[in-house]
Protein backbone atom coordinates (compact mmCIF):
# COMPACT_ATOMS: atom_id res chain seq x y z
CA UNK A 1 131.83 -116.24 1.15
CA UNK A 2 129.70 -117.44 -1.75
CA UNK A 3 131.21 -118.82 -4.94
CA UNK A 4 129.20 -119.47 -8.06
CA UNK A 5 129.40 -123.04 -9.33
CA UNK A 6 130.08 -124.26 -12.86
CA UNK A 7 126.55 -125.54 -13.50
CA UNK A 8 124.78 -122.29 -14.39
CA UNK A 9 123.65 -123.76 -17.74
CA UNK A 10 121.33 -126.31 -16.10
CA UNK A 11 118.69 -123.78 -15.18
CA UNK A 12 119.66 -123.35 -11.57
CA UNK A 13 122.68 -121.82 -9.97
CA UNK A 14 124.74 -123.93 -7.60
CA UNK A 15 126.39 -122.15 -4.71
CA UNK A 16 129.22 -123.20 -2.44
CA UNK A 17 129.13 -121.71 1.02
CA UNK A 18 132.52 -121.48 2.65
CA UNK A 19 133.24 -121.08 6.35
CA UNK A 20 134.23 -117.66 7.55
CA UNK A 21 137.92 -117.11 8.07
CA UNK A 22 137.35 -116.28 11.75
CA UNK A 23 135.81 -119.73 12.37
CA UNK A 24 138.78 -121.47 10.80
CA UNK A 25 141.27 -119.33 12.73
CA UNK A 26 139.43 -119.93 16.00
CA UNK A 27 139.65 -123.68 15.42
CA UNK A 28 143.41 -123.40 14.76
CA UNK A 29 143.83 -121.44 17.97
CA UNK A 30 141.92 -124.12 19.91
CA UNK A 31 144.15 -126.85 18.43
CA UNK A 32 147.27 -124.95 19.52
CA UNK A 33 145.87 -124.52 23.04
CA UNK A 34 145.13 -128.26 23.25
CA UNK A 35 148.76 -129.05 22.29
CA UNK A 36 150.11 -126.55 24.82
CA UNK A 37 148.14 -128.00 27.75
CA UNK A 38 148.22 -131.72 26.76
CA UNK A 39 150.96 -132.71 29.22
CA UNK A 40 149.41 -130.75 32.09
CA UNK A 41 145.96 -132.25 31.40
CA UNK A 42 147.39 -135.79 31.31
CA UNK A 43 149.15 -135.25 34.64
CA UNK A 44 146.05 -133.81 36.32
CA UNK A 45 143.88 -136.63 35.00
CA UNK A 46 146.36 -139.25 36.24
CA UNK A 47 146.19 -137.68 39.74
CA UNK A 48 142.36 -137.41 39.52
CA UNK A 49 142.69 -133.68 40.25
CA UNK A 50 139.46 -132.51 38.68
CA UNK A 51 139.56 -129.17 40.47
CA UNK A 52 142.89 -128.48 38.76
CA UNK A 53 141.41 -129.51 35.42
CA UNK A 54 138.56 -127.07 35.92
CA UNK A 55 141.05 -124.22 36.36
CA UNK A 56 142.58 -124.80 32.91
CA UNK A 57 141.22 -122.82 29.96
CA UNK A 58 138.12 -124.28 28.31
CA UNK A 59 139.86 -124.47 24.96
CA UNK A 60 142.48 -126.79 26.48
CA UNK A 61 140.00 -129.66 26.17
CA UNK A 62 140.47 -131.72 22.97
CA UNK A 63 136.71 -132.11 22.58
CA UNK A 64 136.42 -128.41 21.72
CA UNK A 65 138.40 -128.78 18.50
CA UNK A 66 136.09 -129.34 15.53
CA UNK A 67 136.89 -131.41 12.46
CA UNK A 68 136.57 -129.10 9.46
CA UNK A 69 136.69 -129.67 5.72
CA UNK A 70 140.14 -128.86 4.35
CA UNK A 71 138.67 -127.13 1.29
CA UNK A 72 135.49 -125.36 2.38
CA UNK A 73 135.85 -125.28 6.17
CA UNK A 74 132.44 -126.92 6.65
CA UNK A 75 132.05 -128.67 10.00
CA UNK A 76 129.01 -130.88 9.35
CA UNK A 77 129.10 -133.96 7.15
CA UNK A 78 132.87 -134.39 7.67
CA UNK A 79 134.49 -137.60 6.35
CA UNK A 80 137.53 -138.42 8.49
CA UNK A 81 139.12 -140.78 5.98
CA UNK A 82 139.36 -138.04 3.36
CA UNK A 83 139.48 -134.91 5.53
CA UNK A 84 136.70 -133.17 3.61
CA UNK A 85 132.94 -132.66 3.89
CA UNK A 86 130.48 -134.87 2.02
CA UNK A 87 129.72 -132.11 -0.48
CA UNK A 88 133.36 -131.47 -1.32
CA UNK A 89 134.00 -135.22 -1.47
CA UNK A 90 131.16 -135.70 -3.94
CA UNK A 91 132.40 -132.94 -6.24
CA UNK A 92 136.00 -134.18 -6.10
CA UNK A 93 134.94 -137.79 -6.73
CA UNK A 94 132.78 -136.85 -9.72
CA UNK A 95 135.66 -134.81 -11.18
CA UNK A 96 138.04 -137.76 -10.73
CA UNK A 97 140.26 -136.00 -8.18
CA UNK A 98 140.16 -138.87 -5.67
CA UNK A 99 141.93 -141.99 -6.94
CA UNK A 100 140.00 -145.25 -6.63
CA UNK A 101 136.61 -143.59 -6.11
CA UNK A 102 134.02 -144.10 -8.85
CA UNK A 103 130.31 -143.48 -8.95
CA UNK A 104 128.31 -146.58 -8.14
CA UNK A 105 126.20 -148.12 -10.87
CA UNK A 106 124.52 -151.52 -10.97
């Protein structure tokens, strides 16, 4: 999905690219699978039963869940402290939507 930005008057058009809904839903499904199998995985790891771990679904592994921006769904450039991507963070900070964050000047 492409959304036109507010800066059309500057001579160039800024575009925001948002993640597809399917990608976001797939990530939610993976997170649910991780929760469902967490106890079983912990038990198998404690017993060092790696053959049993291999029989679990791939999406049961927590490393398969991707951190995504809460606003755009972007997966790269994710800032954990704020839960958004660097691009969304920059826009929100410049618009004054994040308390305590100001543009640096010296």
